[in-house]
Amino acid sequence: MSKKSKAVCMLCGKPSGKSICDACAQRVQGEQLGKKSKEQKGKG
């Protein structure tokens, strides 16, 4: 009963060997860096 299902990215649904594909991981990292930068500028 344990059939191997094809791994897909949890964010975009495209086939991927990881739970989050490299393209989505880079996009998420970029968004977080942008938020961090805005927060730091607001505190200064």
N, C-alpha and C. Protein backbone atom coordinates (compact mmCIF):
# COMPACT_ATOMS: atom_id res chain seq x y z
N MET A 1 0.80 -1.21 0.00
CA MET A 1 0.00 0.00 0.00
C MET A 1 0.84 1.26 0.00
N SER A 2 2.11 1.16 0.24
CA SER A 2 2.95 2.35 0.29
C SER A 2 3.52 2.66 -1.08
N LYS A 3 2.71 3.28 -1.93
CA LYS A 3 3.18 3.70 -3.24
C LYS A 3 3.94 5.00 -3.09
N LYS A 4 5.02 5.10 -3.84
CA LYS A 4 5.78 6.34 -3.80
C LYS A 4 5.05 7.38 -4.63
N SER A 5 4.70 8.49 -4.00
CA SER A 5 4.09 9.56 -4.76
C SER A 5 5.20 10.49 -5.24
N LYS A 6 4.97 11.13 -6.34
CA LYS A 6 5.97 12.04 -6.87
C LYS A 6 6.07 13.26 -5.97
N ALA A 7 7.29 13.66 -5.66
CA ALA A 7 7.50 14.82 -4.81
C ALA A 7 7.21 16.08 -5.60
N VAL A 8 6.48 16.98 -4.97
CA VAL A 8 6.17 18.27 -5.59
C VAL A 8 6.44 19.39 -4.60
N CYS A 9 6.68 20.57 -5.12
CA CYS A 9 6.92 21.74 -4.29
C CYS A 9 5.62 22.09 -3.56
N MET A 10 5.74 22.38 -2.28
CA MET A 10 4.56 22.71 -1.47
C MET A 10 4.00 24.09 -1.82
N LEU A 11 4.79 24.93 -2.47
CA LEU A 11 4.34 26.28 -2.79
C LEU A 11 3.76 26.41 -4.19
N CYS A 12 4.46 25.85 -5.19
CA CYS A 12 3.99 26.03 -6.56
C CYS A 12 3.39 24.76 -7.16
N GLY A 13 3.66 23.60 -6.56
CA GLY A 13 3.10 22.35 -7.05
C GLY A 13 3.85 21.70 -8.19
N LYS A 14 4.97 22.29 -8.60
CA LYS A 14 5.76 21.70 -9.67
C LYS A 14 6.57 20.53 -9.13
N PRO A 15 6.87 19.57 -9.98
CA PRO A 15 7.70 18.43 -9.53
C PRO A 15 9.04 18.91 -8.98
N SER A 16 9.41 18.37 -7.84
CA SER A 16 10.65 18.76 -7.19
C SER A 16 11.13 17.63 -6.29
N GLY A 17 12.42 17.52 -6.15
CA GLY A 17 12.98 16.51 -5.26
C GLY A 17 12.94 16.95 -3.81
N LYS A 18 12.57 18.20 -3.59
CA LYS A 18 12.52 18.76 -2.24
C LYS A 18 11.09 19.20 -1.94
N SER A 19 10.81 19.50 -0.68
CA SER A 19 9.46 19.95 -0.33
C SER A 19 9.20 21.36 -0.85
N ILE A 20 10.26 22.16 -1.02
CA ILE A 20 10.15 23.49 -1.63
C ILE A 20 11.24 23.58 -2.69
N CYS A 21 10.84 23.85 -3.94
CA CYS A 21 11.82 23.88 -5.03
C CYS A 21 12.76 25.07 -4.87
N ASP A 22 13.87 25.02 -5.58
CA ASP A 22 14.90 26.06 -5.46
C ASP A 22 14.35 27.43 -5.84
N ALA A 23 13.53 27.50 -6.89
CA ALA A 23 12.99 28.79 -7.34
C ALA A 23 12.11 29.42 -6.26
N CYS A 24 11.25 28.63 -5.64
CA CYS A 24 10.38 29.14 -4.58
C CYS A 24 11.19 29.52 -3.34
N ALA A 25 12.20 28.73 -3.02
CA ALA A 25 13.05 29.02 -1.87
C ALA A 25 13.75 30.36 -2.05
N GLN A 26 14.25 30.63 -3.25
CA GLN A 26 14.91 31.90 -3.52
C GLN A 26 13.92 33.05 -3.43
N ARG A 27 12.71 32.86 -3.93
CA ARG A 27 11.68 33.91 -3.89
C ARG A 27 11.32 34.24 -2.45
N VAL A 28 11.14 33.22 -1.62
CA VAL A 28 10.79 33.43 -0.22
C VAL A 28 11.93 34.13 0.52
N GLN A 29 13.15 33.73 0.25
CA GLN A 29 14.30 34.37 0.89
C GLN A 29 14.37 35.85 0.50
N GLY A 30 14.12 36.15 -0.75
CA GLY A 30 14.13 37.54 -1.23
C GLY A 30 13.06 38.37 -0.54
N GLU A 31 11.88 37.79 -0.37
CA GLU A 31 10.79 38.51 0.30
C GLU A 31 11.16 38.80 1.75
N GLN A 32 11.76 37.84 2.42
CA GLN A 32 12.14 38.02 3.82
C GLN A 32 13.23 39.08 3.96
N LEU A 33 14.20 39.08 3.04
CA LEU A 33 15.25 40.09 3.09
C LEU A 33 14.66 41.49 2.88
N GLY A 34 13.68 41.60 1.99
CA GLY A 34 13.04 42.89 1.75
C GLY A 34 12.31 43.38 2.99
N LYS A 35 11.61 42.49 3.68
CA LYS A 35 10.90 42.86 4.90
C LYS A 35 11.87 43.28 5.99
N LYS A 36 12.97 42.54 6.12
CA LYS A 36 13.96 42.85 7.14
C LYS A 36 14.59 44.22 6.87
N SER A 37 14.87 44.51 5.62
CA SER A 37 15.47 45.78 5.24
C SER A 37 14.53 46.95 5.58
N LYS A 38 13.24 46.78 5.28
CA LYS A 38 12.26 47.82 5.57
C LYS A 38 12.15 48.05 7.08
N GLU A 39 12.16 46.97 7.85
CA GLU A 39 12.07 47.09 9.30
C GLU A 39 13.28 47.83 9.86
N GLN A 40 14.46 47.52 9.36
CA GLN A 40 15.68 48.16 9.84
C GLN A 40 15.69 49.65 9.48
N LYS A 41 15.20 50.01 8.32
CA LYS A 41 15.15 51.41 7.91
C LYS A 41 14.16 52.19 8.76
N GLY A 42 13.07 51.53 9.14
CA GLY A 42 12.06 52.18 9.99
C GLY A 42 12.53 52.45 11.39
N LYS A 43 13.44 51.62 11.91
CA LYS A 43 13.93 51.77 13.29
C LYS A 43 15.01 52.85 13.37
N GLY A 44 15.71 53.08 12.27
CA GLY A 44 16.86 53.99 12.27
C GLY A 44 16.45 55.38 12.29
